[in-house]
Each structure stands twice: as C-alpha cells, then as structure tokens.
Amino acid sequence: MSLRIGVDIGGTKILGGVVTDDGRILDTERVASPRQDPMAATATIIGVVQRLRERTVGEIHSVGLGVAALVDFDRTRVITAPNLGWMQQPLGADVTAATGLRTVVENDGNAAAWGEFVFGAGRELNDVVVVTVGTGIGGGLILRGALRRGAHGGAAEIGHMNVIPEGRPCGCGRRGCWEQYASGHALVREARELAGERRQDASILLALGDGTPEGVQGRHVMEAARAGDLVARQAFETIGTWLGRGLADLSAIIDPQAFIIGGGVSEAGDLLLMSARSTLSAKVIGGTDRLIPPVISASLGNEAGLVGAADLARLPN
C-alpha cells in the first residue's frame, strides 16, 4: 500500500493526514496556523509531517501541501499568501530538506477541488468548479477531467474576482474582492454589524459570545442560525446571496456541470446554499433558456484539501 502525507494549510489551522492511494485517511494531526510568521509556519508544517511519519507503519513516499496562496507553476514555491503574510516562500524545498521526502505545493482550492473530483462529490463529473468558502474563498477548476492551473499556476483565484469597484479592502491589496462579501470573514462581519443594529433579534447570537457584537465568532453564527436566531440567519442569507452572484459570473465564463461548495462555512448547508441557489438562478446569463448548474455540497468536508494534496503528490509535476 502506497502512503502519502497531505497537509491543508489555511489562515487559522494546519491539518495533516496520512492518505492511501484510494483516499482513505489513516491518521491526522491538527494545529493552529502561526499568523504572519513564515518561518514559524514552515517549522510547524515540518513538525506535523515528521510526527505523522513517525506514527505511521509503512513507508511515506511523498508530501502534498495545499496552501491558501498563489503557487508557482512548478508547484514548489509560494509566491504570495495574503492571509498568511508569506511572500516568495520556498516551502517545498524547505520541507524536502527537513524530511527527505519529495514535496509538492499546490493552492489549497486546487487541492480541495482535486480531492472532491477524485474521491468526493465530483466523482462522476468531468467539468466542475469547486468553491471553498472558509476564512476567504478559494477555488479549483476541473475541466475535461483535468485540474486547470493556468499558464503560470495562478488560475482559479476566484475569491479575488472584483464584485464591487473600490469596495472593501482585501488582503491581496485590491478592493472589492468576492471573498470580502461571501466568506467566513464576511459572515462574521455581517453578523456583528447586524447584531449591533438589532440586539433584540440577536439575543441567541449575543448570548453565545460575551454579550457584545464584537464577541461574535464564526461558530456562534452557525450555532445561532440553527437555533433560529433572526440576525444569524439573515447574515447567512446575505453571504449566500453574494455567493450566488459570484457563481452566476463563473457560470457565464466556465459553464460547468456543477458547482461544489466546500470549506468550513459550507457546513451550514442550506442556511448558506438556499440563497446561493436562488441568486444563481436569478442572475445567470440566459435565464430559463440556460441550463443552470446545480450547487451541491462537498462530501469530504474539511479533509478535502489534505486528501487532494496527498493525491496530487502521487502525480508527476
């Protein structure tokens, strides 16, 4: 049995796992992401890989790293990671030097997309767009059964589509990016603003935190929405509407068979996806004369990125 380690590196957590060729996860380890400290983050990633390797019975053949970043075409270097504070980081070489294992670096959206395509919700599809809604928005394009990375490795940075000219500032340096309106970060901001304006309607939400709008966290919004809190539900509806607007634009450009929605925020299910679906239907070019791609939930959950990264490390560059 051939074994590989996949690591999903996001803005808040690093999740590693030992993965078989058929996508089974044998062991995992999760730690917090060091923010704005590339050297500490690299050391943390290496530590996760080494500890998983030490606990594994059998040979580890390679490592795949899925990172929330723009990655070079050779899949060795992080060019920039706005949510992590990385610039021109030789991540693949650093991990290889420390472990002796061949290491492939890939954008986390691409890694998650590949995981869903090979082992998850996209198994029977050939043309899909995977949208990962987490701290920001990532994505991956599977067209005619292949991962499309673009001419320089930078394709599918869909979270940085401009939806509002001169809108909210984004960590990428621009303003008005899609992820500023349809991500986990945007969900918390929306919920806090609404809770400040409508405290009575936000009683459940505020009670889950410290009683103030500033104390509201992402997990509180999801829990409160499921409990019927009006403000939390409206926050999800707003974020879902923005999500649907972006999907309509992507549909006009790519015309996929389906959109697969993953990432931590997608765990809210229909709280997020109902408004996304209705907005996509209303905004898609061609209206009722156009086949509207279904919006479906990813099936691998938070493990899509590490499974996809591990499987990509099986393939040649």
C-alpha atoms as a PDB file:
ATOM      1  CA  MET A   1       0.000   0.000   0.000  1.00  0.00           C
ATOM      2  CA  SER A   2       1.383   3.366  -1.061  1.00  0.00           C
ATOM      3  CA  LEU A   3       1.138   6.117   1.560  1.00  0.00           C
ATOM      4  CA  ARG A   4       1.458   9.885   1.316  1.00  0.00           C
ATOM      5  CA  ILE A   5       1.055  12.789   3.657  1.00  0.00           C
ATOM      6  CA  GLY A   6      -1.287  15.607   2.744  1.00  0.00           C
ATOM      7  CA  VAL A   7      -1.344  18.907   4.615  1.00  0.00           C
ATOM      8  CA  ASP A   8      -4.048  21.564   4.320  1.00  0.00           C
ATOM      9  CA  ILE A   9      -2.653  24.955   5.350  1.00  0.00           C
ATOM     10  CA  GLY A  10      -5.201  27.685   5.975  1.00  0.00           C
ATOM     11  CA  GLY A  11      -5.436  31.018   7.700  1.00  0.00           C
ATOM     12  CA  THR A  12      -6.407  29.515  11.060  1.00  0.00           C
ATOM     13  CA  LYS A  13      -5.348  25.857  11.069  1.00  0.00           C
ATOM     14  CA  ILE A  14      -2.910  23.333   9.636  1.00  0.00           C
ATOM     15  CA  LEU A  15      -4.424  19.875   9.126  1.00  0.00           C
ATOM     16  CA  GLY A  16      -2.213  16.982   8.093  1.00  0.00           C
ATOM     17  CA  GLY A  17      -3.040  13.372   7.364  1.00  0.00           C
ATOM     18  CA  VAL A  18      -1.628  10.081   6.124  1.00  0.00           C
ATOM     19  CA  VAL A  19      -3.562   9.093   2.982  1.00  0.00           C
ATOM     20  CA  THR A  20      -3.738   5.882   0.955  1.00  0.00           C
ATOM     21  CA  ASP A  21      -3.988   5.689  -2.829  1.00  0.00           C
ATOM     22  CA  ASP A  22      -7.734   5.151  -2.584  1.00  0.00           C
ATOM     23  CA  GLY A  23      -8.256   8.276  -0.481  1.00  0.00           C
ATOM     24  CA  ARG A  24      -8.545   6.739   2.969  1.00  0.00           C
ATOM     25  CA  ILE A  25      -7.100   8.736   5.856  1.00  0.00           C
ATOM     26  CA  LEU A  26      -5.190   6.642   8.353  1.00  0.00           C
ATOM     27  CA  ASP A  27      -4.072   9.321  10.802  1.00  0.00           C
ATOM     28  CA  THR A  28      -4.443  13.078  11.232  1.00  0.00           C
ATOM     29  CA  GLU A  29      -2.959  15.943  13.192  1.00  0.00           C
ATOM     30  CA  ARG A  30      -4.337  19.460  13.544  1.00  0.00           C
ATOM     31  CA  VAL A  31      -2.561  22.540  14.905  1.00  0.00           C
ATOM     32  CA  ALA A  32      -3.129  26.300  14.809  1.00  0.00           C
ATOM     33  CA  SER A  33      -1.547  28.307  11.982  1.00  0.00           C
ATOM     34  CA  PRO A  34       1.112  30.826  13.039  1.00  0.00           C
ATOM     35  CA  ARG A  35      -0.130  34.084  11.546  1.00  0.00           C
ATOM     36  CA  GLN A  36       2.139  36.454   9.622  1.00  0.00           C
ATOM     37  CA  ASP A  37       5.249  34.429  10.501  1.00  0.00           C
ATOM     38  CA  PRO A  38       6.525  32.366   7.526  1.00  0.00           C
ATOM     39  CA  MET A  39       9.429  30.759   9.394  1.00  0.00           C
ATOM     40  CA  ALA A  40       7.235  29.647  12.287  1.00  0.00           C
ATOM     41  CA  ALA A  41       4.600  28.347   9.859  1.00  0.00           C
ATOM     42  CA  THR A  42       7.174  26.341   7.903  1.00  0.00           C
ATOM     43  CA  ALA A  43       8.535  24.838  11.105  1.00  0.00           C
ATOM     44  CA  THR A  44       5.009  23.939  12.200  1.00  0.00           C
ATOM     45  CA  ILE A  45       4.266  22.227   8.873  1.00  0.00           C
ATOM     46  CA  ILE A  46       7.515  20.257   9.059  1.00  0.00           C
ATOM     47  CA  GLY A  47       6.648  19.212  12.605  1.00  0.00           C
ATOM     48  CA  VAL A  48       3.232  17.924  11.509  1.00  0.00           C
ATOM     49  CA  VAL A  49       4.809  15.905   8.681  1.00  0.00           C
ATOM     50  CA  GLN A  50       7.501  14.438  10.912  1.00  0.00           C
ATOM     51  CA  ARG A  51       5.105  13.430  13.684  1.00  0.00           C
ATOM     52  CA  LEU A  52       2.715  11.772  11.232  1.00  0.00           C
ATOM     53  CA  ARG A  53       5.630   9.955   9.633  1.00  0.00           C
ATOM     54  CA  GLU A  54       6.908   8.709  12.987  1.00  0.00           C
ATOM     55  CA  ARG A  55       3.484   7.311  13.902  1.00  0.00           C
ATOM     56  CA  THR A  56       2.934   5.563  10.563  1.00  0.00           C
ATOM     57  CA  VAL A  57       3.589   1.887   9.970  1.00  0.00           C
ATOM     58  CA  GLY A  58       4.774   1.773   6.365  1.00  0.00           C
ATOM     59  CA  GLU A  59       6.794   3.992   4.069  1.00  0.00           C
ATOM     60  CA  ILE A  60       5.698   7.537   3.279  1.00  0.00           C
ATOM     61  CA  HIS A  61       6.504   8.217  -0.380  1.00  0.00           C
ATOM     62  CA  SER A  62       5.814  11.939  -0.750  1.00  0.00           C
ATOM     63  CA  VAL A  63       4.144  15.002   0.741  1.00  0.00           C
ATOM     64  CA  GLY A  64       1.473  17.248  -0.752  1.00  0.00           C
ATOM     65  CA  LEU A  65       0.882  20.707   0.710  1.00  0.00           C
ATOM     66  CA  GLY A  66      -2.310  22.611  -0.041  1.00  0.00           C
ATOM     67  CA  VAL A  67      -1.838  26.238   0.971  1.00  0.00           C
ATOM     68  CA  ALA A  68      -4.058  29.316   0.769  1.00  0.00           C
ATOM     69  CA  ALA A  69      -1.661  31.005  -1.632  1.00  0.00           C
ATOM     70  CA  LEU A  70      -0.618  31.746  -5.173  1.00  0.00           C
ATOM     71  CA  VAL A  71       1.782  28.923  -6.051  1.00  0.00           C
ATOM     72  CA  ASP A  72       4.321  28.857  -8.875  1.00  0.00           C
ATOM     73  CA  PHE A  73       3.838  26.669 -11.944  1.00  0.00           C
ATOM     74  CA  ASP A  74       6.452  24.143 -10.767  1.00  0.00           C
ATOM     75  CA  ARG A  75       4.500  23.636  -7.524  1.00  0.00           C
ATOM     76  CA  THR A  76       7.473  24.307  -5.261  1.00  0.00           C
ATOM     77  CA  ARG A  77       7.221  27.941  -4.118  1.00  0.00           C
ATOM     78  CA  VAL A  78       4.560  30.109  -2.502  1.00  0.00           C
ATOM     79  CA  ILE A  79       4.551  33.359  -4.453  1.00  0.00           C
ATOM     80  CA  THR A  80       2.181  35.180  -2.129  1.00  0.00           C
ATOM     81  CA  ALA A  81      -0.259  34.206   0.617  1.00  0.00           C
ATOM     82  CA  PRO A  82      -2.336  37.271   1.613  1.00  0.00           C
ATOM     83  CA  ASN A  83      -3.992  35.638   4.625  1.00  0.00           C
ATOM     84  CA  LEU A  84      -0.708  34.187   5.914  1.00  0.00           C
ATOM     85  CA  GLY A  85       1.731  37.007   5.218  1.00  0.00           C
ATOM     86  CA  TRP A  86       4.033  34.912   3.000  1.00  0.00           C
ATOM     87  CA  MET A  87       5.988  36.208   0.008  1.00  0.00           C
ATOM     88  CA  GLN A  88       8.301  34.127  -2.234  1.00  0.00           C
ATOM     89  CA  GLN A  89       8.474  31.275   0.278  1.00  0.00           C
ATOM     90  CA  PRO A  90      10.417  28.155  -0.917  1.00  0.00           C
ATOM     91  CA  LEU A  91       8.062  25.921   1.022  1.00  0.00           C
ATOM     92  CA  GLY A  92       8.546  22.739  -0.995  1.00  0.00           C
ATOM     93  CA  ALA A  93      12.331  22.893  -0.816  1.00  0.00           C
ATOM     94  CA  ASP A  94      12.215  23.638   2.911  1.00  0.00           C
ATOM     95  CA  VAL A  95      10.028  20.622   3.681  1.00  0.00           C
ATOM     96  CA  THR A  96      12.078  18.342   1.431  1.00  0.00           C
ATOM     97  CA  ALA A  97      15.303  19.492   3.089  1.00  0.00           C
ATOM     98  CA  ALA A  98      13.914  18.724   6.547  1.00  0.00           C
ATOM     99  CA  THR A  99      12.229  15.396   5.723  1.00  0.00           C
ATOM    100  CA  GLY A 100      13.978  13.982   2.657  1.00  0.00           C
ATOM    101  CA  LEU A 101      10.568  13.483   1.027  1.00  0.00           C
ATOM    102  CA  ARG A 102       9.501  14.730  -2.391  1.00  0.00           C
ATOM    103  CA  THR A 103       7.146  17.625  -1.681  1.00  0.00           C
ATOM    104  CA  VAL A 104       4.526  19.151  -3.957  1.00  0.00           C
ATOM    105  CA  VAL A 105       2.995  22.536  -3.123  1.00  0.00           C
ATOM    106  CA  GLU A 106      -0.427  23.396  -4.509  1.00  0.00           C
ATOM    107  CA  ASN A 107      -3.052  26.053  -3.955  1.00  0.00           C
ATOM    108  CA  ASP A 108      -5.481  24.824  -1.303  1.00  0.00           C
ATOM    109  CA  GLY A 109      -8.506  25.409  -3.525  1.00  0.00           C
ATOM    110  CA  ASN A 110      -6.930  23.302  -6.256  1.00  0.00           C
ATOM    111  CA  ALA A 111      -6.080  20.589  -3.744  1.00  0.00           C
ATOM    112  CA  ALA A 112      -9.622  20.507  -2.365  1.00  0.00           C
ATOM    113  CA  ALA A 113     -11.062  20.505  -5.878  1.00  0.00           C
ATOM    114  CA  TRP A 114      -8.913  17.551  -6.844  1.00  0.00           C
ATOM    115  CA  GLY A 115      -9.897  15.677  -3.692  1.00  0.00           C
ATOM    116  CA  GLU A 116     -13.606  16.187  -4.385  1.00  0.00           C
ATOM    117  CA  PHE A 117     -13.176  15.272  -8.049  1.00  0.00           C
ATOM    118  CA  VAL A 118     -11.286  12.028  -7.422  1.00  0.00           C
ATOM    119  CA  PHE A 119     -12.846  10.836  -4.166  1.00  0.00           C
ATOM    120  CA  GLY A 120     -15.842  13.048  -3.329  1.00  0.00           C
ATOM    121  CA  ALA A 121     -18.886  14.823  -4.737  1.00  0.00           C
ATOM    122  CA  GLY A 122     -17.374  15.202  -8.221  1.00  0.00           C
ATOM    123  CA  ARG A 123     -16.516  11.548  -8.821  1.00  0.00           C
ATOM    124  CA  GLU A 124     -18.976  11.154 -11.706  1.00  0.00           C
ATOM    125  CA  LEU A 125     -18.421  14.591 -13.261  1.00  0.00           C
ATOM    126  CA  ASN A 126     -15.880  15.932 -15.745  1.00  0.00           C
ATOM    127  CA  ASP A 127     -16.409  19.710 -15.598  1.00  0.00           C
ATOM    128  CA  VAL A 128     -16.837  21.231 -12.149  1.00  0.00           C
ATOM    129  CA  VAL A 129     -15.951  24.346 -10.228  1.00  0.00           C
ATOM    130  CA  VAL A 130     -15.150  23.726  -6.586  1.00  0.00           C
ATOM    131  CA  VAL A 131     -15.593  26.777  -4.352  1.00  0.00           C
ATOM    132  CA  THR A 132     -14.115  26.598  -0.861  1.00  0.00           C
ATOM    133  CA  VAL A 133     -15.768  29.057   1.499  1.00  0.00           C
ATOM    134  CA  GLY A 134     -13.567  29.451   4.550  1.00  0.00           C
ATOM    135  CA  THR A 135     -11.666  32.390   6.022  1.00  0.00           C
ATOM    136  CA  GLY A 136     -11.542  33.614   2.412  1.00  0.00           C
ATOM    137  CA  ILE A 137     -12.720  31.995  -0.821  1.00  0.00           C
ATOM    138  CA  GLY A 138     -10.629  29.532  -2.767  1.00  0.00           C
ATOM    139  CA  GLY A 139     -11.443  27.523  -5.819  1.00  0.00           C
ATOM    140  CA  GLY A 140     -10.417  24.886  -8.279  1.00  0.00           C
ATOM    141  CA  LEU A 141     -11.300  24.142 -11.902  1.00  0.00           C
ATOM    142  CA  ILE A 142     -11.685  20.603 -13.170  1.00  0.00           C
ATOM    143  CA  LEU A 143     -12.272  20.769 -16.921  1.00  0.00           C
ATOM    144  CA  ARG A 144     -12.472  17.658 -19.079  1.00  0.00           C
ATOM    145  CA  GLY A 145     -11.245  15.637 -16.129  1.00  0.00           C
ATOM    146  CA  ALA A 146      -8.050  17.624 -15.528  1.00  0.00           C
ATOM    147  CA  LEU A 147      -7.032  20.202 -12.950  1.00  0.00           C
ATOM    148  CA  ARG A 148      -6.536  23.508 -14.762  1.00  0.00           C
ATOM    149  CA  ARG A 149      -3.816  25.640 -13.181  1.00  0.00           C
ATOM    150  CA  GLY A 150      -3.336  28.264 -15.890  1.00  0.00           C
ATOM    151  CA  ALA A 151      -0.210  29.261 -17.775  1.00  0.00           C
ATOM    152  CA  HIS A 152       1.710  30.232 -14.630  1.00  0.00           C
ATOM    153  CA  GLY A 153      -0.007  28.203 -11.903  1.00  0.00           C
ATOM    154  CA  GLY A 154      -2.288  31.026 -10.819  1.00  0.00           C
ATOM    155  CA  ALA A 155      -5.686  30.022 -12.193  1.00  0.00           C
ATOM    156  CA  ALA A 156      -8.882  29.797 -10.099  1.00  0.00           C
ATOM    157  CA  GLU A 157      -8.090  32.636  -7.685  1.00  0.00           C
ATOM    158  CA  ILE A 158     -11.827  33.173  -7.780  1.00  0.00           C
ATOM    159  CA  GLY A 159     -12.015  34.775  -4.352  1.00  0.00           C
ATOM    160  CA  HIS A 160     -10.303  37.793  -5.838  1.00  0.00           C
ATOM    161  CA  MET A 161     -12.828  38.463  -8.597  1.00  0.00           C
ATOM    162  CA  ASN A 162     -13.828  42.103  -8.289  1.00  0.00           C
ATOM    163  CA  VAL A 163     -17.511  42.368  -7.383  1.00  0.00           C
ATOM    164  CA  ILE A 164     -17.622  45.938  -6.030  1.00  0.00           C
ATOM    165  CA  PRO A 165     -15.323  48.537  -7.631  1.00  0.00           C
ATOM    166  CA  GLU A 166     -13.416  50.299  -4.833  1.00  0.00           C
ATOM    167  CA  GLY A 167     -15.281  48.163  -2.274  1.00  0.00           C
ATOM    168  CA  ARG A 168     -14.000  46.647   0.933  1.00  0.00           C
ATOM    169  CA  PRO A 169     -10.196  46.367   1.186  1.00  0.00           C
ATOM    170  CA  CYS A 170      -8.801  42.864   0.679  1.00  0.00           C
ATOM    171  CA  GLY A 171      -5.633  41.247   1.948  1.00  0.00           C
ATOM    172  CA  CYS A 172      -4.460  40.874  -1.648  1.00  0.00           C
ATOM    173  CA  GLY A 173      -4.053  44.662  -1.875  1.00  0.00           C
ATOM    174  CA  ARG A 174      -7.120  45.335  -4.016  1.00  0.00           C
ATOM    175  CA  ARG A 175     -10.610  46.413  -3.029  1.00  0.00           C
ATOM    176  CA  GLY A 176     -13.996  44.821  -3.591  1.00  0.00           C
ATOM    177  CA  CYS A 177     -12.909  41.179  -3.963  1.00  0.00           C
ATOM    178  CA  TRP A 178     -15.605  38.484  -3.841  1.00  0.00           C
ATOM    179  CA  GLU A 179     -14.194  36.948  -0.663  1.00  0.00           C
ATOM    180  CA  GLN A 180     -14.815  40.198   1.203  1.00  0.00           C
ATOM    181  CA  TYR A 181     -18.556  39.603   0.746  1.00  0.00           C
ATOM    182  CA  ALA A 182     -19.069  35.821   0.643  1.00  0.00           C
ATOM    183  CA  SER A 183     -16.565  34.226   3.044  1.00  0.00           C
ATOM    184  CA  GLY A 184     -16.361  33.232   6.695  1.00  0.00           C
ATOM    185  CA  HIS A 185     -14.692  36.541   7.449  1.00  0.00           C
ATOM    186  CA  ALA A 186     -17.539  38.371   5.720  1.00  0.00           C
ATOM    187  CA  LEU A 187     -20.121  36.283   7.610  1.00  0.00           C
ATOM    188  CA  VAL A 188     -18.728  37.312  10.989  1.00  0.00           C
ATOM    189  CA  ARG A 189     -18.502  40.965   9.968  1.00  0.00           C
ATOM    190  CA  GLU A 190     -22.093  40.946   8.698  1.00  0.00           C
ATOM    191  CA  ALA A 191     -23.366  39.235  11.852  1.00  0.00           C
ATOM    192  CA  ARG A 192     -21.571  41.695  14.122  1.00  0.00           C
ATOM    193  CA  GLU A 193     -22.919  44.694  12.225  1.00  0.00           C
ATOM    194  CA  LEU A 194     -26.478  43.361  12.288  1.00  0.00           C
ATOM    195  CA  ALA A 195     -26.226  42.388  15.959  1.00  0.00           C
ATOM    196  CA  GLY A 196     -25.159  45.924  16.801  1.00  0.00           C
ATOM    197  CA  GLU A 197     -28.196  47.328  14.984  1.00  0.00           C
ATOM    198  CA  ARG A 198     -30.756  44.713  16.102  1.00  0.00           C
ATOM    199  CA  ARG A 199     -29.771  43.438  19.520  1.00  0.00           C
ATOM    200  CA  GLN A 200     -33.225  42.087  20.332  1.00  0.00           C
ATOM    201  CA  ASP A 201     -33.270  39.890  17.229  1.00  0.00           C
ATOM    202  CA  ALA A 202     -29.719  38.740  18.027  1.00  0.00           C
ATOM    203  CA  SER A 203     -30.328  37.525  21.572  1.00  0.00           C
ATOM    204  CA  ILE A 204     -29.259  33.940  20.894  1.00  0.00           C
ATOM    205  CA  LEU A 205     -26.221  35.032  18.909  1.00  0.00           C
ATOM    206  CA  LEU A 206     -25.007  37.525  21.505  1.00  0.00           C
ATOM    207  CA  ALA A 207     -25.525  35.045  24.357  1.00  0.00           C
ATOM    208  CA  LEU A 208     -23.189  32.566  22.684  1.00  0.00           C
ATOM    209  CA  GLY A 209     -20.346  35.098  22.842  1.00  0.00           C
ATOM    210  CA  ASP A 210     -19.587  37.664  25.505  1.00  0.00           C
ATOM    211  CA  GLY A 211     -22.790  39.616  25.028  1.00  0.00           C
ATOM    212  CA  THR A 212     -21.288  42.158  22.643  1.00  0.00           C
ATOM    213  CA  PRO A 213     -21.317  42.246  18.835  1.00  0.00           C
ATOM    214  CA  GLU A 214     -17.507  42.283  18.898  1.00  0.00           C
ATOM    215  CA  GLY A 215     -17.520  38.942  20.729  1.00  0.00           C
ATOM    216  CA  VAL A 216     -19.381  37.126  17.948  1.00  0.00           C
ATOM    217  CA  GLN A 217     -17.314  34.402  16.250  1.00  0.00           C
ATOM    218  CA  GLY A 218     -17.990  32.240  13.217  1.00  0.00           C
ATOM    219  CA  ARG A 219     -19.027  29.201  15.241  1.00  0.00           C
ATOM    220  CA  HIS A 220     -21.525  31.364  17.126  1.00  0.00           C
ATOM    221  CA  VAL A 221     -23.202  32.497  13.908  1.00  0.00           C
ATOM    222  CA  MET A 222     -23.701  28.933  12.714  1.00  0.00           C
ATOM    223  CA  GLU A 223     -24.986  27.693  16.074  1.00  0.00           C
ATOM    224  CA  ALA A 224     -27.319  30.656  16.494  1.00  0.00           C
ATOM    225  CA  ALA A 225     -28.695  30.337  12.963  1.00  0.00           C
ATOM    226  CA  ARG A 226     -29.512  26.678  13.568  1.00  0.00           C
ATOM    227  CA  ALA A 227     -31.289  27.721  16.780  1.00  0.00           C
ATOM    228  CA  GLY A 228     -33.439  30.222  14.853  1.00  0.00           C
ATOM    229  CA  ASP A 229     -31.662  33.492  15.646  1.00  0.00           C
ATOM    230  CA  LEU A 230     -33.013  36.030  13.141  1.00  0.00           C
ATOM    231  CA  VAL A 231     -29.817  38.050  12.810  1.00  0.00           C
ATOM    232  CA  ALA A 232     -27.616  34.991  12.308  1.00  0.00           C
ATOM    233  CA  ARG A 233     -29.980  33.675   9.657  1.00  0.00           C
ATOM    234  CA  GLN A 234     -30.014  36.997   7.851  1.00  0.00           C
ATOM    235  CA  ALA A 235     -26.219  37.076   7.907  1.00  0.00           C
ATOM    236  CA  PHE A 236     -26.145  33.671   6.187  1.00  0.00           C
ATOM    237  CA  GLU A 237     -28.749  34.794   3.662  1.00  0.00           C
ATOM    238  CA  THR A 238     -26.678  37.861   2.803  1.00  0.00           C
ATOM    239  CA  ILE A 239     -23.474  35.873   2.399  1.00  0.00           C
ATOM    240  CA  GLY A 240     -25.302  33.237   0.359  1.00  0.00           C
ATOM    241  CA  THR A 241     -26.690  35.924  -1.938  1.00  0.00           C
ATOM    242  CA  TRP A 242     -23.197  37.234  -2.599  1.00  0.00           C
ATOM    243  CA  LEU A 243     -22.027  33.676  -3.167  1.00  0.00           C
ATOM    244  CA  GLY A 244     -24.755  33.162  -5.766  1.00  0.00           C
ATOM    245  CA  ARG A 245     -23.808  36.369  -7.580  1.00  0.00           C
ATOM    246  CA  GLY A 246     -20.262  35.136  -8.000  1.00  0.00           C
ATOM    247  CA  LEU A 247     -21.423  31.701  -9.120  1.00  0.00           C
ATOM    248  CA  ALA A 248     -23.557  33.334 -11.822  1.00  0.00           C
ATOM    249  CA  ASP A 249     -20.491  35.124 -13.184  1.00  0.00           C
ATOM    250  CA  LEU A 250     -18.445  31.919 -13.103  1.00  0.00           C
ATOM    251  CA  SER A 251     -21.249  30.064 -14.864  1.00  0.00           C
ATOM    252  CA  ALA A 252     -21.143  32.575 -17.705  1.00  0.00           C
ATOM    253  CA  ILE A 253     -17.395  32.083 -18.106  1.00  0.00           C
ATOM    254  CA  ILE A 254     -16.924  28.353 -17.495  1.00  0.00           C
ATOM    255  CA  ASP A 255     -20.357  26.692 -17.950  1.00  0.00           C
ATOM    256  CA  PRO A 256     -19.628  23.817 -15.520  1.00  0.00           C
ATOM    257  CA  GLN A 257     -21.730  20.728 -14.919  1.00  0.00           C
ATOM    258  CA  ALA A 258     -21.966  21.677 -11.240  1.00  0.00           C
ATOM    259  CA  PHE A 259     -20.637  23.898  -8.501  1.00  0.00           C
ATOM    260  CA  ILE A 260     -19.319  22.016  -5.482  1.00  0.00           C
ATOM    261  CA  ILE A 261     -19.256  24.146  -2.338  1.00  0.00           C
ATOM    262  CA  GLY A 262     -16.796  23.190   0.391  1.00  0.00           C
ATOM    263  CA  GLY A 263     -14.870  24.870   3.183  1.00  0.00           C
ATOM    264  CA  GLY A 264     -15.819  25.436   6.806  1.00  0.00           C
ATOM    265  CA  VAL A 265     -18.723  27.820   6.127  1.00  0.00           C
ATOM    266  CA  SER A 266     -20.351  25.264   3.809  1.00  0.00           C
ATOM    267  CA  GLU A 267     -21.054  23.114   6.876  1.00  0.00           C
ATOM    268  CA  ALA A 268     -24.062  25.384   7.372  1.00  0.00           C
ATOM    269  CA  GLY A 269     -25.695  23.572   4.434  1.00  0.00           C
ATOM    270  CA  ASP A 270     -28.946  25.125   3.242  1.00  0.00           C
ATOM    271  CA  LEU A 271     -28.533  28.086   5.587  1.00  0.00           C
ATOM    272  CA  LEU A 272     -25.922  29.210   3.060  1.00  0.00           C
ATOM    273  CA  LEU A 273     -26.856  27.373  -0.114  1.00  0.00           C
ATOM    274  CA  MET A 274     -30.566  28.187  -0.420  1.00  0.00           C
ATOM    275  CA  SER A 275     -29.916  31.868  -1.093  1.00  0.00           C
ATOM    276  CA  ALA A 276     -26.898  30.999  -3.240  1.00  0.00           C
ATOM    277  CA  ARG A 277     -29.016  28.742  -5.455  1.00  0.00           C
ATOM    278  CA  SER A 278     -31.873  31.214  -5.816  1.00  0.00           C
ATOM    279  CA  THR A 279     -29.494  34.067  -6.629  1.00  0.00           C
ATOM    280  CA  LEU A 280     -27.638  31.953  -9.191  1.00  0.00           C
ATOM    281  CA  SER A 281     -30.947  31.097 -10.865  1.00  0.00           C
ATOM    282  CA  ALA A 282     -31.972  34.749 -10.945  1.00  0.00           C
ATOM    283  CA  LYS A 283     -28.643  36.132 -12.142  1.00  0.00           C
ATOM    284  CA  VAL A 284     -27.361  33.506 -14.558  1.00  0.00           C
ATOM    285  CA  ILE A 285     -26.982  34.745 -18.128  1.00  0.00           C
ATOM    286  CA  GLY A 286     -29.688  33.364 -20.381  1.00  0.00           C
ATOM    287  CA  GLY A 287     -32.166  32.833 -17.555  1.00  0.00           C
ATOM    288  CA  THR A 288     -34.559  29.927 -18.082  1.00  0.00           C
ATOM    289  CA  ASP A 289     -33.106  29.232 -21.522  1.00  0.00           C
ATOM    290  CA  ARG A 290     -29.769  28.276 -19.988  1.00  0.00           C
ATOM    291  CA  LEU A 291     -29.041  25.073 -18.109  1.00  0.00           C
ATOM    292  CA  ILE A 292     -28.355  26.244 -14.565  1.00  0.00           C
ATOM    293  CA  PRO A 293     -25.633  24.161 -12.911  1.00  0.00           C
ATOM    294  CA  PRO A 294     -26.638  22.587  -9.604  1.00  0.00           C
ATOM    295  CA  VAL A 295     -24.985  23.854  -6.425  1.00  0.00           C
ATOM    296  CA  ILE A 296     -24.057  20.837  -4.301  1.00  0.00           C
ATOM    297  CA  SER A 297     -22.246  20.371  -1.024  1.00  0.00           C
ATOM    298  CA  ALA A 298     -18.773  18.901  -0.972  1.00  0.00           C
ATOM    299  CA  SER A 299     -18.672  15.432   0.568  1.00  0.00           C
ATOM    300  CA  LEU A 300     -15.162  15.271   2.034  1.00  0.00           C
ATOM    301  CA  GLY A 301     -15.650  18.116   4.488  1.00  0.00           C
ATOM    302  CA  ASN A 302     -12.548  19.695   5.986  1.00  0.00           C
ATOM    303  CA  GLU A 303     -10.442  16.775   4.778  1.00  0.00           C
ATOM    304  CA  ALA A 304     -10.817  17.514   1.040  1.00  0.00           C
ATOM    305  CA  GLY A 305      -7.701  19.660   0.950  1.00  0.00           C
ATOM    306  CA  LEU A 306      -5.369  17.203   2.615  1.00  0.00           C
ATOM    307  CA  VAL A 307      -6.724  14.248   0.611  1.00  0.00           C
ATOM    308  CA  GLY A 308      -6.384  16.160  -2.639  1.00  0.00           C
ATOM    309  CA  ALA A 309      -2.902  17.426  -1.789  1.00  0.00           C
ATOM    310  CA  ALA A 310      -1.746  13.906  -0.947  1.00  0.00           C
ATOM    311  CA  ASP A 311      -3.123  12.520  -4.214  1.00  0.00           C
ATOM    312  CA  LEU A 312      -1.530  15.313  -6.251  1.00  0.00           C
ATOM    313  CA  ALA A 313       1.803  14.340  -4.692  1.00  0.00           C
ATOM    314  CA  ARG A 314       1.284  10.942  -6.327  1.00  0.00           C
ATOM    315  CA  LEU A 315       1.251  12.505  -9.798  1.00  0.00           C
ATOM    316  CA  PRO A 316       4.187  13.911 -11.766  1.00  0.00           C
ATOM    317  CA  ASN A 317       4.500  17.699 -11.958  1.00  0.00           C
END
